[in-house]
């Protein structure tokens, strides 16, 4: 248990930041699942639209430090390549 005022405050701050970060992670996963579902249906235009809406959410996660830039870029690249393959 914390013995100093500052460490007690850090514990409170950590709890609130963790809650915010979990919400952001969940939102990112939800948008990525929507893209996956659109790809599974085989509708290229719907999948592209879902990816277009997921990209800002993913990049906001990067700017907030929830996801690393390389991870977000890799996910976007793999999803976009799968969408491109739908037409072929």
PDB file of N, CA and C in Angstrom:
ATOM      1  N   UNK A   1       0.839  -1.186   0.000  1.00  0.00           N
ATOM      2  CA  UNK A   1       0.000   0.000   0.000  1.00  0.00           C
ATOM      3  C   UNK A   1       0.881   1.246   0.000  1.00  0.00           C
ATOM      4  N   UNK A   2       0.369   2.296  -0.607  1.00  0.00           N
ATOM      5  CA  UNK A   2       1.148   3.525  -0.740  1.00  0.00           C
ATOM      6  C   UNK A   2       1.277   4.241   0.607  1.00  0.00           C
ATOM      7  N   UNK A   3       2.435   4.814   0.835  1.00  0.00           N
ATOM      8  CA  UNK A   3       2.692   5.517   2.092  1.00  0.00           C
ATOM      9  C   UNK A   3       2.755   7.034   1.919  1.00  0.00           C
ATOM     10  N   UNK A   4       2.887   7.510   0.691  1.00  0.00           N
ATOM     11  CA  UNK A   4       3.030   8.942   0.441  1.00  0.00           C
ATOM     12  C   UNK A   4       1.826   9.465  -0.328  1.00  0.00           C
ATOM     13  N   UNK A   5       1.555  10.740  -0.141  1.00  0.00           N
ATOM     14  CA  UNK A   5       0.436  11.365  -0.843  1.00  0.00           C
ATOM     15  C   UNK A   5       0.614  11.260  -2.352  1.00  0.00           C
ATOM     16  N   UNK A   6       1.838  11.476  -2.800  1.00  0.00           N
ATOM     17  CA  UNK A   6       2.092  11.462  -4.237  1.00  0.00           C
ATOM     18  C   UNK A   6       1.881  10.064  -4.822  1.00  0.00           C
ATOM     19  N   UNK A   7       2.283   9.039  -4.080  1.00  0.00           N
ATOM     20  CA  UNK A   7       2.098   7.674  -4.590  1.00  0.00           C
ATOM     21  C   UNK A   7       0.621   7.273  -4.551  1.00  0.00           C
ATOM     22  N   UNK A   8      -0.135   7.787  -3.571  1.00  0.00           N
ATOM     23  CA  UNK A   8      -1.578   7.542  -3.543  1.00  0.00           C
ATOM     24  C   UNK A   8      -2.246   8.193  -4.750  1.00  0.00           C
ATOM     25  N   UNK A   9      -1.800   9.384  -5.068  1.00  0.00           N
ATOM     26  CA  UNK A   9      -2.340  10.090  -6.233  1.00  0.00           C
ATOM     27  C   UNK A   9      -2.008   9.335  -7.526  1.00  0.00           C
ATOM     28  N   UNK A  10      -0.777   8.826  -7.626  1.00  0.00           N
ATOM     29  CA  UNK A  10      -0.385   8.070  -8.813  1.00  0.00           C
ATOM     30  C   UNK A  10      -1.265   6.830  -8.984  1.00  0.00           C
ATOM     31  N   UNK A  11      -1.619   6.193  -7.869  1.00  0.00           N
ATOM     32  CA  UNK A  11      -2.486   5.014  -7.942  1.00  0.00           C
ATOM     33  C   UNK A  11      -3.848   5.409  -8.494  1.00  0.00           C
ATOM     34  N   UNK A  12      -4.385   6.524  -8.012  1.00  0.00           N
ATOM     35  CA  UNK A  12      -5.688   7.007  -8.518  1.00  0.00           C
ATOM     36  C   UNK A  12      -5.604   7.341 -10.009  1.00  0.00           C
ATOM     37  N   UNK A  13      -4.541   8.011 -10.394  1.00  0.00           N
ATOM     38  CA  UNK A  13      -4.374   8.384 -11.792  1.00  0.00           C
ATOM     39  C   UNK A  13      -4.220   7.158 -12.681  1.00  0.00           C
ATOM     40  N   UNK A  14      -3.489   6.169 -12.200  1.00  0.00           N
ATOM     41  CA  UNK A  14      -3.279   4.947 -12.972  1.00  0.00           C
ATOM     42  C   UNK A  14      -4.593   4.225 -13.221  1.00  0.00           C
ATOM     43  N   UNK A  15      -5.453   4.176 -12.206  1.00  0.00           N
ATOM     44  CA  UNK A  15      -6.761   3.534 -12.372  1.00  0.00           C
ATOM     45  C   UNK A  15      -7.584   4.218 -13.450  1.00  0.00           C
ATOM     46  N   UNK A  16      -7.622   5.546 -13.417  1.00  0.00           N
ATOM     47  CA  UNK A  16      -8.429   6.269 -14.395  1.00  0.00           C
ATOM     48  C   UNK A  16      -7.839   6.157 -15.793  1.00  0.00           C
ATOM     49  N   UNK A  17      -6.508   6.233 -15.915  1.00  0.00           N
ATOM     50  CA  UNK A  17      -5.874   6.122 -17.230  1.00  0.00           C
ATOM     51  C   UNK A  17      -6.058   4.723 -17.807  1.00  0.00           C
ATOM     52  N   UNK A  18      -5.996   3.700 -16.937  1.00  0.00           N
ATOM     53  CA  UNK A  18      -6.195   2.329 -17.386  1.00  0.00           C
ATOM     54  C   UNK A  18      -7.596   2.151 -17.948  1.00  0.00           C
ATOM     55  N   UNK A  19      -8.581   2.751 -17.280  1.00  0.00           N
ATOM     56  CA  UNK A  19      -9.963   2.655 -17.752  1.00  0.00           C
ATOM     57  C   UNK A  19     -10.116   3.306 -19.128  1.00  0.00           C
ATOM     58  N   UNK A  20      -9.497   4.464 -19.299  1.00  0.00           N
ATOM     59  CA  UNK A  20      -9.573   5.172 -20.580  1.00  0.00           C
ATOM     60  C   UNK A  20      -8.883   4.360 -21.677  1.00  0.00           C
ATOM     61  N   UNK A  21      -7.703   3.820 -21.363  1.00  0.00           N
ATOM     62  CA  UNK A  21      -6.958   3.052 -22.355  1.00  0.00           C
ATOM     63  C   UNK A  21      -7.687   1.776 -22.749  1.00  0.00           C
ATOM     64  N   UNK A  22      -8.321   1.117 -21.782  1.00  0.00           N
ATOM     65  CA  UNK A  22      -9.089  -0.089 -22.098  1.00  0.00           C
ATOM     66  C   UNK A  22     -10.241   0.233 -23.024  1.00  0.00           C
ATOM     67  N   UNK A  23     -10.881   1.364 -22.786  1.00  0.00           N
ATOM     68  CA  UNK A  23     -11.991   1.778 -23.650  1.00  0.00           C
ATOM     69  C   UNK A  23     -11.484   2.043 -25.062  1.00  0.00           C
ATOM     70  N   UNK A  24     -10.343   2.690 -25.176  1.00  0.00           N
ATOM     71  CA  UNK A  24      -9.766   2.957 -26.495  1.00  0.00           C
ATOM     72  C   UNK A  24      -9.388   1.660 -27.210  1.00  0.00           C
ATOM     73  N   UNK A  25      -8.772   0.723 -26.486  1.00  0.00           N
ATOM     74  CA  UNK A  25      -8.398  -0.564 -27.073  1.00  0.00           C
ATOM     75  C   UNK A  25      -9.628  -1.316 -27.559  1.00  0.00           C
ATOM     76  N   UNK A  26     -10.678  -1.272 -26.763  1.00  0.00           N
ATOM     77  CA  UNK A  26     -11.917  -1.960 -27.122  1.00  0.00           C
ATOM     78  C   UNK A  26     -12.533  -1.348 -28.376  1.00  0.00           C
ATOM     79  N   UNK A  27     -12.492  -0.027 -28.455  1.00  0.00           N
ATOM     80  CA  UNK A  27     -13.036   0.675 -29.629  1.00  0.00           C
ATOM     81  C   UNK A  27     -12.250   0.297 -30.886  1.00  0.00           C
ATOM     82  N   UNK A  28     -10.947   0.234 -30.771  1.00  0.00           N
ATOM     83  CA  UNK A  28     -10.107  -0.146 -31.914  1.00  0.00           C
ATOM     84  C   UNK A  28     -10.443  -1.563 -32.360  1.00  0.00           C
ATOM     85  N   UNK A  29     -10.543  -2.481 -31.391  1.00  0.00           N
ATOM     86  CA  UNK A  29     -10.867  -3.872 -31.730  1.00  0.00           C
ATOM     87  C   UNK A  29     -12.231  -3.982 -32.396  1.00  0.00           C
ATOM     88  N   UNK A  30     -13.200  -3.190 -31.929  1.00  0.00           N
ATOM     89  CA  UNK A  30     -14.541  -3.215 -32.513  1.00  0.00           C
ATOM     90  C   UNK A  30     -14.498  -2.795 -33.971  1.00  0.00           C
ATOM     91  N   UNK A  31     -13.795  -1.719 -34.272  1.00  0.00           N
ATOM     92  CA  UNK A  31     -13.715  -1.242 -35.647  1.00  0.00           C
ATOM     93  C   UNK A  31     -12.986  -2.234 -36.541  1.00  0.00           C
ATOM     94  N   UNK A  32     -11.938  -2.866 -36.008  1.00  0.00           N
ATOM     95  CA  UNK A  32     -11.212  -3.865 -36.795  1.00  0.00           C
ATOM     96  C   UNK A  32     -12.087  -5.093 -37.059  1.00  0.00           C
ATOM     97  N   UNK A  33     -12.920  -5.464 -36.088  1.00  0.00           N
ATOM     98  CA  UNK A  33     -13.831  -6.589 -36.287  1.00  0.00           C
ATOM     99  C   UNK A  33     -14.865  -6.275 -37.360  1.00  0.00           C
ATOM    100  N   UNK A  34     -15.288  -5.012 -37.440  1.00  0.00           N
ATOM    101  CA  UNK A  34     -16.235  -4.610 -38.485  1.00  0.00           C
ATOM    102  C   UNK A  34     -15.605  -4.762 -39.867  1.00  0.00           C
ATOM    103  N   UNK A  35     -14.339  -4.424 -39.981  1.00  0.00           N
ATOM    104  CA  UNK A  35     -13.630  -4.591 -41.246  1.00  0.00           C
ATOM    105  C   UNK A  35     -13.515  -6.079 -41.577  1.00  0.00           C
ATOM    106  N   UNK A  36     -13.151  -6.880 -40.587  1.00  0.00           N
ATOM    107  CA  UNK A  36     -13.036  -8.330 -40.791  1.00  0.00           C
ATOM    108  C   UNK A  36     -14.368  -8.919 -41.244  1.00  0.00           C
ATOM    109  N   UNK A  37     -15.457  -8.474 -40.637  1.00  0.00           N
ATOM    110  CA  UNK A  37     -16.775  -8.980 -41.005  1.00  0.00           C
ATOM    111  C   UNK A  37     -17.134  -8.591 -42.435  1.00  0.00           C
ATOM    112  N   UNK A  38     -16.783  -7.380 -42.819  1.00  0.00           N
ATOM    113  CA  UNK A  38     -17.063  -6.925 -44.179  1.00  0.00           C
ATOM    114  C   UNK A  38     -16.233  -7.707 -45.193  1.00  0.00           C
ATOM    115  N   UNK A  39     -15.006  -8.030 -44.847  1.00  0.00           N
ATOM    116  CA  UNK A  39     -14.160  -8.836 -45.736  1.00  0.00           C
ATOM    117  C   UNK A  39     -14.741 -10.240 -45.858  1.00  0.00           C
ATOM    118  N   UNK A  40     -15.247 -10.771 -44.755  1.00  0.00           N
ATOM    119  CA  UNK A  40     -15.803 -12.125 -44.762  1.00  0.00           C
ATOM    120  C   UNK A  40     -17.031 -12.232 -45.655  1.00  0.00           C
ATOM    121  N   UNK A  41     -17.802 -11.148 -45.756  1.00  0.00           N
ATOM    122  CA  UNK A  41     -18.979 -11.174 -46.628  1.00  0.00           C
ATOM    123  C   UNK A  41     -18.593 -11.140 -48.098  1.00  0.00           C
ATOM    124  N   UNK A  42     -17.404 -10.621 -48.390  1.00  0.00           N
ATOM    125  CA  UNK A  42     -16.930 -10.568 -49.769  1.00  0.00           C
ATOM    126  C   UNK A  42     -17.301  -9.294 -50.493  1.00  0.00           C
ATOM    127  N   UNK A  43     -17.920  -8.351 -49.794  1.00  0.00           N
ATOM    128  CA  UNK A  43     -18.308  -7.081 -50.402  1.00  0.00           C
ATOM    129  C   UNK A  43     -17.141  -6.103 -50.306  1.00  0.00           C
ATOM    130  N   UNK A  44     -16.524  -5.838 -51.464  1.00  0.00           N
ATOM    131  CA  UNK A  44     -15.317  -5.011 -51.471  1.00  0.00           C
ATOM    132  C   UNK A  44     -15.607  -3.565 -51.066  1.00  0.00           C
ATOM    133  N   UNK A  45     -16.715  -3.001 -51.548  1.00  0.00           N
ATOM    134  CA  UNK A  45     -17.012  -1.601 -51.241  1.00  0.00           C
ATOM    135  C   UNK A  45     -17.325  -1.415 -49.753  1.00  0.00           C
ATOM    136  N   UNK A  46     -18.050  -2.367 -49.172  1.00  0.00           N
ATOM    137  CA  UNK A  46     -18.358  -2.278 -47.740  1.00  0.00           C
ATOM    138  C   UNK A  46     -17.095  -2.437 -46.905  1.00  0.00           C
ATOM    139  N   UNK A  47     -16.220  -3.335 -47.331  1.00  0.00           N
ATOM    140  CA  UNK A  47     -14.971  -3.556 -46.609  1.00  0.00           C
ATOM    141  C   UNK A  47     -14.081  -2.320 -46.686  1.00  0.00           C
ATOM    142  N   UNK A  48     -14.039  -1.692 -47.857  1.00  0.00           N
ATOM    143  CA  UNK A  48     -13.226  -0.479 -48.019  1.00  0.00           C
ATOM    144  C   UNK A  48     -13.779   0.656 -47.166  1.00  0.00           C
ATOM    145  N   UNK A  49     -15.098   0.764 -47.114  1.00  0.00           N
ATOM    146  CA  UNK A  49     -15.715   1.804 -46.290  1.00  0.00           C
ATOM    147  C   UNK A  49     -15.440   1.562 -44.807  1.00  0.00           C
ATOM    148  N   UNK A  50     -15.507   0.298 -44.395  1.00  0.00           N
ATOM    149  CA  UNK A  50     -15.229  -0.038 -42.995  1.00  0.00           C
ATOM    150  C   UNK A  50     -13.780   0.262 -42.650  1.00  0.00           C
ATOM    151  N   UNK A  51     -12.875  -0.021 -43.582  1.00  0.00           N
ATOM    152  CA  UNK A  51     -11.462   0.268 -43.348  1.00  0.00           C
ATOM    153  C   UNK A  51     -11.223   1.772 -43.259  1.00  0.00           C
ATOM    154  N   UNK A  52     -11.926   2.518 -44.066  1.00  0.00           N
ATOM    155  CA  UNK A  52     -11.782   3.970 -44.066  1.00  0.00           C
ATOM    156  C   UNK A  52     -12.247   4.574 -42.740  1.00  0.00           C
ATOM    157  N   UNK A  53     -13.269   3.969 -42.131  1.00  0.00           N
ATOM    158  CA  UNK A  53     -13.726   4.468 -40.830  1.00  0.00           C
ATOM    159  C   UNK A  53     -12.845   3.958 -39.693  1.00  0.00           C
ATOM    160  N   UNK A  54     -12.202   2.814 -39.892  1.00  0.00           N
ATOM    161  CA  UNK A  54     -11.351   2.249 -38.841  1.00  0.00           C
ATOM    162  C   UNK A  54     -10.000   2.941 -38.756  1.00  0.00           C
ATOM    163  N   UNK A  55      -9.528   3.471 -39.871  1.00  0.00           N
ATOM    164  CA  UNK A  55      -8.193   4.054 -39.891  1.00  0.00           C
ATOM    165  C   UNK A  55      -8.023   5.221 -38.909  1.00  0.00           C
ATOM    166  N   UNK A  56      -8.933   6.200 -38.862  1.00  0.00           N
ATOM    167  CA  UNK A  56      -8.728   7.291 -37.900  1.00  0.00           C
ATOM    168  C   UNK A  56      -8.767   6.827 -36.447  1.00  0.00           C
ATOM    169  N   UNK A  57      -9.602   5.830 -36.166  1.00  0.00           N
ATOM    170  CA  UNK A  57      -9.686   5.307 -34.808  1.00  0.00           C
ATOM    171  C   UNK A  57      -8.363   4.655 -34.420  1.00  0.00           C
ATOM    172  N   UNK A  58      -7.799   3.901 -35.344  1.00  0.00           N
ATOM    173  CA  UNK A  58      -6.525   3.232 -35.093  1.00  0.00           C
ATOM    174  C   UNK A  58      -5.400   4.245 -34.918  1.00  0.00           C
ATOM    175  N   UNK A  59      -5.371   5.260 -35.755  1.00  0.00           N
ATOM    176  CA  UNK A  59      -4.316   6.270 -35.663  1.00  0.00           C
ATOM    177  C   UNK A  59      -4.460   7.140 -34.413  1.00  0.00           C
ATOM    178  N   UNK A  60      -5.701   7.331 -33.954  1.00  0.00           N
ATOM    179  CA  UNK A  60      -5.880   8.062 -32.705  1.00  0.00           C
ATOM    180  C   UNK A  60      -5.328   7.242 -31.549  1.00  0.00           C
ATOM    181  N   UNK A  61      -5.487   5.926 -31.631  1.00  0.00           N
ATOM    182  CA  UNK A  61      -4.892   5.052 -30.630  1.00  0.00           C
ATOM    183  C   UNK A  61      -3.385   5.165 -30.617  1.00  0.00           C
ATOM    184  N   UNK A  62      -2.796   5.361 -31.795  1.00  0.00           N
ATOM    185  CA  UNK A  62      -1.345   5.554 -31.888  1.00  0.00           C
ATOM    186  C   UNK A  62      -0.948   6.867 -31.218  1.00  0.00           C
ATOM    187  N   UNK A  63      -1.682   7.928 -31.517  1.00  0.00           N
ATOM    188  CA  UNK A  63      -1.329   9.232 -30.955  1.00  0.00           C
ATOM    189  C   UNK A  63      -1.516   9.274 -29.445  1.00  0.00           C
ATOM    190  N   UNK A  64      -2.430   8.469 -28.934  1.00  0.00           N
ATOM    191  CA  UNK A  64      -2.662   8.420 -27.494  1.00  0.00           C
ATOM    192  C   UNK A  64      -1.771   7.406 -26.785  1.00  0.00           C
ATOM    193  N   UNK A  65      -0.996   6.646 -27.550  1.00  0.00           N
ATOM    194  CA  UNK A  65      -0.049   5.720 -26.952  1.00  0.00           C
ATOM    195  C   UNK A  65      -0.622   4.370 -26.588  1.00  0.00           C
ATOM    196  N   UNK A  66      -1.801   4.061 -27.087  1.00  0.00           N
ATOM    197  CA  UNK A  66      -2.424   2.775 -26.785  1.00  0.00           C
ATOM    198  C   UNK A  66      -1.844   1.688 -27.677  1.00  0.00           C
ATOM    199  N   UNK A  67      -1.572   2.040 -28.939  1.00  0.00           N
ATOM    200  CA  UNK A  67      -1.039   1.107 -29.924  1.00  0.00           C
ATOM    201  C   UNK A  67       0.216   1.735 -30.514  1.00  0.00           C
ATOM    202  N   UNK A  68       1.208   0.918 -30.813  1.00  0.00           N
ATOM    203  CA  UNK A  68       2.414   1.444 -31.448  1.00  0.00           C
ATOM    204  C   UNK A  68       2.162   1.686 -32.928  1.00  0.00           C
ATOM    205  N   UNK A  69       2.912   2.602 -33.495  1.00  0.00           N
ATOM    206  CA  UNK A  69       2.742   2.971 -34.894  1.00  0.00           C
ATOM    207  C   UNK A  69       2.962   1.792 -35.827  1.00  0.00           C
ATOM    208  N   UNK A  70       3.976   0.998 -35.570  1.00  0.00           N
ATOM    209  CA  UNK A  70       4.252  -0.155 -36.428  1.00  0.00           C
ATOM    210  C   UNK A  70       3.131  -1.172 -36.403  1.00  0.00           C
ATOM    211  N   UNK A  71       2.547  -1.377 -35.244  1.00  0.00           N
ATOM    212  CA  UNK A  71       1.434  -2.315 -35.115  1.00  0.00           C
ATOM    213  C   UNK A  71       0.239  -1.827 -35.909  1.00  0.00           C
ATOM    214  N   UNK A  72      -0.081  -0.542 -35.771  1.00  0.00           N
ATOM    215  CA  UNK A  72      -1.214   0.022 -36.490  1.00  0.00           C
ATOM    216  C   UNK A  72      -0.977  -0.023 -37.993  1.00  0.00           C
ATOM    217  N   UNK A  73       0.224   0.298 -38.417  1.00  0.00           N
ATOM    218  CA  UNK A  73       0.549   0.282 -39.844  1.00  0.00           C
ATOM    219  C   UNK A  73       0.466  -1.129 -40.401  1.00  0.00           C
ATOM    220  N   UNK A  74       0.937  -2.093 -39.643  1.00  0.00           N
ATOM    221  CA  UNK A  74       0.878  -3.488 -40.083  1.00  0.00           C
ATOM    222  C   UNK A  74      -0.565  -3.956 -40.227  1.00  0.00           C
ATOM    223  N   UNK A  75      -1.396  -3.617 -39.264  1.00  0.00           N
ATOM    224  CA  UNK A  75      -2.799  -4.022 -39.324  1.00  0.00           C
ATOM    225  C   UNK A  75      -3.493  -3.388 -40.530  1.00  0.00           C
ATOM    226  N   UNK A  76      -3.253  -2.099 -40.753  1.00  0.00           N
ATOM    227  CA  UNK A  76      -3.874  -1.408 -41.890  1.00  0.00           C
ATOM    228  C   UNK A  76      -3.392  -2.011 -43.208  1.00  0.00           C
ATOM    229  N   UNK A  77      -2.111  -2.295 -43.290  1.00  0.00           N
ATOM    230  CA  UNK A  77      -1.549  -2.845 -44.521  1.00  0.00           C
ATOM    231  C   UNK A  77      -2.129  -4.213 -44.827  1.00  0.00           C
ATOM    232  N   UNK A  78      -2.201  -5.059 -43.824  1.00  0.00           N
ATOM    233  CA  UNK A  78      -2.720  -6.413 -44.046  1.00  0.00           C
ATOM    234  C   UNK A  78      -4.196  -6.397 -44.403  1.00  0.00           C
ATOM    235  N   UNK A  79      -4.950  -5.531 -43.753  1.00  0.00           N
ATOM    236  CA  UNK A  79      -6.380  -5.449 -44.070  1.00  0.00           C
ATOM    237  C   UNK A  79      -6.598  -4.901 -45.480  1.00  0.00           C
ATOM    238  N   UNK A  80      -5.837  -3.862 -45.845  1.00  0.00           N
ATOM    239  CA  UNK A  80      -6.010  -3.279 -47.176  1.00  0.00           C
ATOM    240  C   UNK A  80      -5.604  -4.255 -48.271  1.00  0.00           C
ATOM    241  N   UNK A  81      -4.563  -5.054 -48.023  1.00  0.00           N
ATOM    242  CA  UNK A  81      -4.166  -6.036 -49.037  1.00  0.00           C
ATOM    243  C   UNK A  81      -5.226  -7.117 -49.173  1.00  0.00           C
ATOM    244  N   UNK A  82      -5.866  -7.495 -48.063  1.00  0.00           N
ATOM    245  CA  UNK A  82      -6.950  -8.488 -48.150  1.00  0.00           C
ATOM    246  C   UNK A  82      -8.145  -7.928 -48.893  1.00  0.00           C
ATOM    247  N   UNK A  83      -8.403  -6.646 -48.735  1.00  0.00           N
ATOM    248  CA  UNK A  83      -9.509  -6.014 -49.449  1.00  0.00           C
ATOM    249  C   UNK A  83      -9.202  -5.954 -50.947  1.00  0.00           C
ATOM    250  N   UNK A  84      -7.965  -5.664 -51.303  1.00  0.00           N
ATOM    251  CA  UNK A  84      -7.578  -5.617 -52.708  1.00  0.00           C
ATOM    252  C   UNK A  84      -7.727  -6.970 -53.378  1.00  0.00           C
ATOM    253  N   UNK A  85      -7.491  -8.042 -52.616  1.00  0.00           N
ATOM    254  CA  UNK A  85      -7.609  -9.380 -53.174  1.00  0.00           C
ATOM    255  C   UNK A  85      -9.056  -9.800 -53.424  1.00  0.00           C
ATOM    256  N   UNK A  86     -10.013  -9.096 -52.827  1.00  0.00           N
ATOM    257  CA  UNK A  86     -11.424  -9.459 -53.002  1.00  0.00           C
ATOM    258  C   UNK A  86     -11.853  -9.341 -54.454  1.00  0.00           C
ATOM    259  N   UNK A  87     -11.353  -8.365 -55.181  1.00  0.00           N
ATOM    260  CA  UNK A  87     -11.766  -8.155 -56.570  1.00  0.00           C
ATOM    261  C   UNK A  87     -11.177  -9.219 -57.488  1.00  0.00           C
ATOM    262  N   UNK A  88      -9.990  -9.699 -57.170  1.00  0.00           N
ATOM    263  CA  UNK A  88      -9.289 -10.647 -58.033  1.00  0.00           C
ATOM    264  C   UNK A  88      -9.844 -12.047 -57.970  1.00  0.00           C
TER     265      UNK A  88
END
